[in-house]
Amino acid sequence: MAKARVGLYEAKGDSLVRTHRSCPKCGPGTFLAEHKDRRSCGRCGYSESKSPPPSRGKGAKSA
């Protein structure tokens, strides 16, 4: 059964534009799910953060 593709494309003039990023491991046919703080692939499990990690404050010990 085909899954719904609602919201993954946007019409711009005569062409369709993808609204979500594609998974770098699976290829252009698989989209990354948009979460509040990350993007993830439901097929392979790839995940990436949307924001940079918090910076360490002054005096923080490095590992």
PDB file of N, CA and C in Angstrom:
ATOM      1  N   MET A   1       0.844  -1.175   0.000  1.00  0.00           N
ATOM      2  CA  MET A   1       0.000   0.000   0.000  1.00  0.00           C
ATOM      3  C   MET A   1       0.892   1.241   0.000  1.00  0.00           C
ATOM      4  N   ALA A   2       0.582   2.190  -0.846  1.00  0.00           N
ATOM      5  CA  ALA A   2       1.366   3.419  -0.947  1.00  0.00           C
ATOM      6  C   ALA A   2       1.045   4.350   0.217  1.00  0.00           C
ATOM      7  N   LYS A   3       2.065   5.003   0.730  1.00  0.00           N
ATOM      8  CA  LYS A   3       1.878   5.950   1.817  1.00  0.00           C
ATOM      9  C   LYS A   3       1.545   7.324   1.240  1.00  0.00           C
ATOM     10  N   ALA A   4       0.850   8.134   2.002  1.00  0.00           N
ATOM     11  CA  ALA A   4       0.485   9.477   1.563  1.00  0.00           C
ATOM     12  C   ALA A   4       1.712  10.366   1.476  1.00  0.00           C
ATOM     13  N   ARG A   5       1.780  11.194   0.465  1.00  0.00           N
ATOM     14  CA  ARG A   5       2.901  12.102   0.262  1.00  0.00           C
ATOM     15  C   ARG A   5       2.464  13.554   0.490  1.00  0.00           C
ATOM     16  N   VAL A   6       1.444  13.733   1.314  1.00  0.00           N
ATOM     17  CA  VAL A   6       0.923  15.063   1.577  1.00  0.00           C
ATOM     18  C   VAL A   6       1.957  15.876   2.351  1.00  0.00           C
ATOM     19  N   GLY A   7       2.265  17.043   1.863  1.00  0.00           N
ATOM     20  CA  GLY A   7       3.186  17.935   2.549  1.00  0.00           C
ATOM     21  C   GLY A   7       4.648  17.731   2.199  1.00  0.00           C
ATOM     22  N   LEU A   8       4.988  16.750   1.388  1.00  0.00           N
ATOM     23  CA  LEU A   8       6.382  16.513   1.036  1.00  0.00           C
ATOM     24  C   LEU A   8       6.805  17.286  -0.203  1.00  0.00           C
ATOM     25  N   TYR A   9       5.836  17.775  -0.965  1.00  0.00           N
ATOM     26  CA  TYR A   9       6.122  18.545  -2.179  1.00  0.00           C
ATOM     27  C   TYR A   9       5.317  19.834  -2.159  1.00  0.00           C
ATOM     28  N   GLU A  10       5.858  20.845  -2.836  1.00  0.00           N
ATOM     29  CA  GLU A  10       5.181  22.128  -2.948  1.00  0.00           C
ATOM     30  C   GLU A  10       5.228  22.553  -4.412  1.00  0.00           C
ATOM     31  N   ALA A  11       4.122  23.048  -4.932  1.00  0.00           N
ATOM     32  CA  ALA A  11       4.075  23.482  -6.327  1.00  0.00           C
ATOM     33  C   ALA A  11       4.640  24.890  -6.449  1.00  0.00           C
ATOM     34  N   LYS A  12       5.657  25.041  -7.293  1.00  0.00           N
ATOM     35  CA  LYS A  12       6.251  26.345  -7.589  1.00  0.00           C
ATOM     36  C   LYS A  12       6.203  26.527  -9.097  1.00  0.00           C
ATOM     37  N   GLY A  13       5.250  27.281  -9.552  1.00  0.00           N
ATOM     38  CA  GLY A  13       5.084  27.460 -10.997  1.00  0.00           C
ATOM     39  C   GLY A  13       4.639  26.160 -11.637  1.00  0.00           C
ATOM     40  N   ASP A  14       5.417  25.665 -12.594  1.00  0.00           N
ATOM     41  CA  ASP A  14       5.087  24.429 -13.292  1.00  0.00           C
ATOM     42  C   ASP A  14       5.843  23.219 -12.752  1.00  0.00           C
ATOM     43  N   SER A  15       6.569  23.388 -11.643  1.00  0.00           N
ATOM     44  CA  SER A  15       7.360  22.270 -11.126  1.00  0.00           C
ATOM     45  C   SER A  15       7.031  21.984  -9.661  1.00  0.00           C
ATOM     46  N   LEU A  16       7.450  20.814  -9.208  1.00  0.00           N
ATOM     47  CA  LEU A  16       7.291  20.428  -7.813  1.00  0.00           C
ATOM     48  C   LEU A  16       8.626  20.567  -7.101  1.00  0.00           C
ATOM     49  N   VAL A  17       8.574  21.085  -5.879  1.00  0.00           N
ATOM     50  CA  VAL A  17       9.772  21.280  -5.069  1.00  0.00           C
ATOM     51  C   VAL A  17       9.607  20.474  -3.790  1.00  0.00           C
ATOM     52  N   ARG A  18      10.645  19.758  -3.384  1.00  0.00           N
ATOM     53  CA  ARG A  18      10.595  18.970  -2.152  1.00  0.00           C
ATOM     54  C   ARG A  18      10.653  19.893  -0.949  1.00  0.00           C
ATOM     55  N   THR A  19       9.819  19.616   0.052  1.00  0.00           N
ATOM     56  CA  THR A  19       9.821  20.431   1.263  1.00  0.00           C
ATOM     57  C   THR A  19      10.677  19.808   2.360  1.00  0.00           C
ATOM     58  N   HIS A  20      10.958  18.505   2.290  1.00  0.00           N
ATOM     59  CA  HIS A  20      11.782  17.823   3.279  1.00  0.00           C
ATOM     60  C   HIS A  20      13.088  17.366   2.625  1.00  0.00           C
ATOM     61  N   ARG A  21      14.119  17.199   3.443  1.00  0.00           N
ATOM     62  CA  ARG A  21      15.398  16.721   2.942  1.00  0.00           C
ATOM     63  C   ARG A  21      15.336  15.226   2.671  1.00  0.00           C
ATOM     64  N   SER A  22      16.194  14.743   1.784  1.00  0.00           N
ATOM     65  CA  SER A  22      16.307  13.320   1.495  1.00  0.00           C
ATOM     66  C   SER A  22      17.361  12.716   2.400  1.00  0.00           C
ATOM     67  N   CYS A  23      17.236  11.427   2.660  1.00  0.00           N
ATOM     68  CA  CYS A  23      18.211  10.718   3.486  1.00  0.00           C
ATOM     69  C   CYS A  23      19.513  10.557   2.699  1.00  0.00           C
ATOM     70  N   PRO A  24      20.659  10.943   3.280  1.00  0.00           N
ATOM     71  CA  PRO A  24      21.930  10.798   2.568  1.00  0.00           C
ATOM     72  C   PRO A  24      22.364   9.341   2.401  1.00  0.00           C
ATOM     73  N   LYS A  25      21.884   8.450   3.244  1.00  0.00           N
ATOM     74  CA  LYS A  25      22.252   7.035   3.135  1.00  0.00           C
ATOM     75  C   LYS A  25      21.341   6.288   2.163  1.00  0.00           C
ATOM     76  N   CYS A  26      20.039   6.529   2.233  1.00  0.00           N
ATOM     77  CA  CYS A  26      19.069   5.790   1.417  1.00  0.00           C
ATOM     78  C   CYS A  26      18.908   6.358   0.015  1.00  0.00           C
ATOM     79  N   GLY A  27      19.114   7.647  -0.156  1.00  0.00           N
ATOM     80  CA  GLY A  27      18.986   8.249  -1.472  1.00  0.00           C
ATOM     81  C   GLY A  27      17.782   9.152  -1.603  1.00  0.00           C
ATOM     82  N   PRO A  28      17.574   9.691  -2.809  1.00  0.00           N
ATOM     83  CA  PRO A  28      16.544  10.695  -3.026  1.00  0.00           C
ATOM     84  C   PRO A  28      15.106  10.201  -2.918  1.00  0.00           C
ATOM     85  N   GLY A  29      14.856   8.923  -2.850  1.00  0.00           N
ATOM     86  CA  GLY A  29      13.486   8.422  -2.731  1.00  0.00           C
ATOM     87  C   GLY A  29      12.972   8.360  -1.313  1.00  0.00           C
ATOM     88  N   THR A  30      13.841   8.604  -0.320  1.00  0.00           N
ATOM     89  CA  THR A  30      13.455   8.496   1.089  1.00  0.00           C
ATOM     90  C   THR A  30      13.630   9.849   1.766  1.00  0.00           C
ATOM     91  N   PHE A  31      12.566  10.347   2.372  1.00  0.00           N
ATOM     92  CA  PHE A  31      12.597  11.642   3.037  1.00  0.00           C
ATOM     93  C   PHE A  31      12.929  11.494   4.514  1.00  0.00           C
ATOM     94  N   LEU A  32      13.502  12.548   5.082  1.00  0.00           N
ATOM     95  CA  LEU A  32      13.764  12.594   6.510  1.00  0.00           C
ATOM     96  C   LEU A  32      12.540  13.174   7.211  1.00  0.00           C
ATOM     97  N   ALA A  33      12.124  12.538   8.294  1.00  0.00           N
ATOM     98  CA  ALA A  33      11.001  13.034   9.089  1.00  0.00           C
ATOM     99  C   ALA A  33      11.453  14.263   9.865  1.00  0.00           C
ATOM    100  N   GLU A  34      10.593  15.250   9.955  1.00  0.00           N
ATOM    101  CA  GLU A  34      10.909  16.486  10.669  1.00  0.00           C
ATOM    102  C   GLU A  34      10.374  16.395  12.091  1.00  0.00           C
ATOM    103  N   HIS A  35      11.271  16.459  13.067  1.00  0.00           N
ATOM    104  CA  HIS A  35      10.909  16.515  14.475  1.00  0.00           C
ATOM    105  C   HIS A  35      11.299  17.886  15.008  1.00  0.00           C
ATOM    106  N   LYS A  36      10.956  18.162  16.250  1.00  0.00           N
ATOM    107  CA  LYS A  36      11.229  19.471  16.830  1.00  0.00           C
ATOM    108  C   LYS A  36      12.729  19.796  16.859  1.00  0.00           C
ATOM    109  N   ASP A  37      13.545  18.837  17.250  1.00  0.00           N
ATOM    110  CA  ASP A  37      14.966  19.081  17.425  1.00  0.00           C
ATOM    111  C   ASP A  37      15.876  18.291  16.484  1.00  0.00           C
ATOM    112  N   ARG A  38      15.291  17.457  15.607  1.00  0.00           N
ATOM    113  CA  ARG A  38      16.108  16.607  14.736  1.00  0.00           C
ATOM    114  C   ARG A  38      15.347  16.203  13.490  1.00  0.00           C
ATOM    115  N   ARG A  39      16.086  15.633  12.544  1.00  0.00           N
ATOM    116  CA  ARG A  39      15.509  14.997  11.364  1.00  0.00           C
ATOM    117  C   ARG A  39      15.936  13.540  11.408  1.00  0.00           C
ATOM    118  N   SER A  40      15.045  12.618  11.039  1.00  0.00           N
ATOM    119  CA  SER A  40      15.410  11.204  11.093  1.00  0.00           C
ATOM    120  C   SER A  40      14.798  10.430   9.939  1.00  0.00           C
ATOM    121  N   CYS A  41      15.475   9.345   9.569  1.00  0.00           N
ATOM    122  CA  CYS A  41      15.013   8.458   8.505  1.00  0.00           C
ATOM    123  C   CYS A  41      14.361   7.243   9.147  1.00  0.00           C
ATOM    124  N   GLY A  42      13.155   6.932   8.740  1.00  0.00           N
ATOM    125  CA  GLY A  42      12.449   5.776   9.276  1.00  0.00           C
ATOM    126  C   GLY A  42      12.893   4.474   8.646  1.00  0.00           C
ATOM    127  N   ARG A  43      13.618   4.559   7.566  1.00  0.00           N
ATOM    128  CA  ARG A  43      14.057   3.356   6.857  1.00  0.00           C
ATOM    129  C   ARG A  43      15.366   2.799   7.427  1.00  0.00           C
ATOM    130  N   CYS A  44      16.377   3.649   7.559  1.00  0.00           N
ATOM    131  CA  CYS A  44      17.691   3.167   8.001  1.00  0.00           C
ATOM    132  C   CYS A  44      18.063   3.615   9.410  1.00  0.00           C
ATOM    133  N   GLY A  45      17.333   4.593   9.969  1.00  0.00           N
ATOM    134  CA  GLY A  45      17.630   5.065  11.315  1.00  0.00           C
ATOM    135  C   GLY A  45      18.573   6.246  11.382  1.00  0.00           C
ATOM    136  N   TYR A  46      18.997   6.785  10.229  1.00  0.00           N
ATOM    137  CA  TYR A  46      19.875   7.950  10.208  1.00  0.00           C
ATOM    138  C   TYR A  46      19.190   9.113  10.922  1.00  0.00           C
ATOM    139  N   SER A  47      19.952   9.879  11.696  1.00  0.00           N
ATOM    140  CA  SER A  47      19.403  11.010  12.429  1.00  0.00           C
ATOM    141  C   SER A  47      20.405  12.151  12.418  1.00  0.00           C
ATOM    142  N   GLU A  48      19.896  13.382  12.341  1.00  0.00           N
ATOM    143  CA  GLU A  48      20.753  14.565  12.414  1.00  0.00           C
ATOM    144  C   GLU A  48      20.051  15.632  13.228  1.00  0.00           C
ATOM    145  N   SER A  49      20.840  16.429  13.907  1.00  0.00           N
ATOM    146  CA  SER A  49      20.320  17.480  14.763  1.00  0.00           C
ATOM    147  C   SER A  49      20.005  18.720  13.929  1.00  0.00           C
ATOM    148  N   LYS A  50      18.964  19.450  14.299  1.00  0.00           N
ATOM    149  CA  LYS A  50      18.618  20.683  13.594  1.00  0.00           C
ATOM    150  C   LYS A  50      19.458  21.862  14.090  1.00  0.00           C
ATOM    151  N   SER A  51      19.784  21.864  15.367  1.00  0.00           N
ATOM    152  CA  SER A  51      20.544  22.977  15.925  1.00  0.00           C
ATOM    153  C   SER A  51      21.913  22.492  16.387  1.00  0.00           C
ATOM    154  N   PRO A  52      22.882  23.393  16.433  1.00  0.00           N
ATOM    155  CA  PRO A  52      24.204  22.981  16.899  1.00  0.00           C
ATOM    156  C   PRO A  52      24.152  22.623  18.381  1.00  0.00           C
ATOM    157  N   PRO A  53      25.049  21.751  18.833  1.00  0.00           N
ATOM    158  CA  PRO A  53      25.061  21.390  20.244  1.00  0.00           C
ATOM    159  C   PRO A  53      25.382  22.609  21.098  1.00  0.00           C
ATOM    160  N   PRO A  54      24.897  22.646  22.327  1.00  0.00           N
ATOM    161  CA  PRO A  54      25.163  23.817  23.172  1.00  0.00           C
ATOM    162  C   PRO A  54      26.660  23.975  23.417  1.00  0.00           C
ATOM    163  N   SER A  55      27.110  25.228  23.398  1.00  0.00           N
ATOM    164  CA  SER A  55      28.535  25.477  23.600  1.00  0.00           C
ATOM    165  C   SER A  55      28.889  25.292  25.068  1.00  0.00           C
ATOM    166  N   ARG A  56      30.097  24.866  25.289  1.00  0.00           N
ATOM    167  CA  ARG A  56      30.556  24.680  26.666  1.00  0.00           C
ATOM    168  C   ARG A  56      30.891  26.040  27.251  1.00  0.00           C
ATOM    169  N   GLY A  57      30.519  26.219  28.496  1.00  0.00           N
ATOM    170  CA  GLY A  57      30.780  27.494  29.158  1.00  0.00           C
ATOM    171  C   GLY A  57      32.236  27.637  29.539  1.00  0.00           C
ATOM    172  N   LYS A  58      32.569  28.794  30.035  1.00  0.00           N
ATOM    173  CA  LYS A  58      33.936  29.083  30.458  1.00  0.00           C
ATOM    174  C   LYS A  58      34.302  28.192  31.652  1.00  0.00           C
ATOM    175  N   GLY A  59      35.443  27.587  31.613  1.00  0.00           N
ATOM    176  CA  GLY A  59      35.902  26.765  32.716  1.00  0.00           C
ATOM    177  C   GLY A  59      35.437  25.314  32.651  1.00  0.00           C
ATOM    178  N   ALA A  60      34.741  24.935  31.577  1.00  0.00           N
ATOM    179  CA  ALA A  60      34.281  23.550  31.453  1.00  0.00           C
ATOM    180  C   ALA A  60      35.466  22.661  31.120  1.00  0.00           C
ATOM    181  N   LYS A  61      35.508  21.502  31.721  1.00  0.00           N
ATOM    182  CA  LYS A  61      36.595  20.560  31.451  1.00  0.00           C
ATOM    183  C   LYS A  61      36.342  19.852  30.122  1.00  0.00           C
ATOM    184  N   SER A  62      37.392  19.673  29.348  1.00  0.00           N
ATOM    185  CA  SER A  62      37.260  18.935  28.095  1.00  0.00           C
ATOM    186  C   SER A  62      37.635  17.488  28.342  1.00  0.00           C
ATOM    187  N   ALA A  63      37.058  16.584  27.555  1.00  0.00           N
ATOM    188  CA  ALA A  63      37.278  15.164  27.767  1.00  0.00           C
ATOM    189  C   ALA A  63      38.587  14.683  27.239  1.00  0.00           C
TER     190      ALA A  63
END
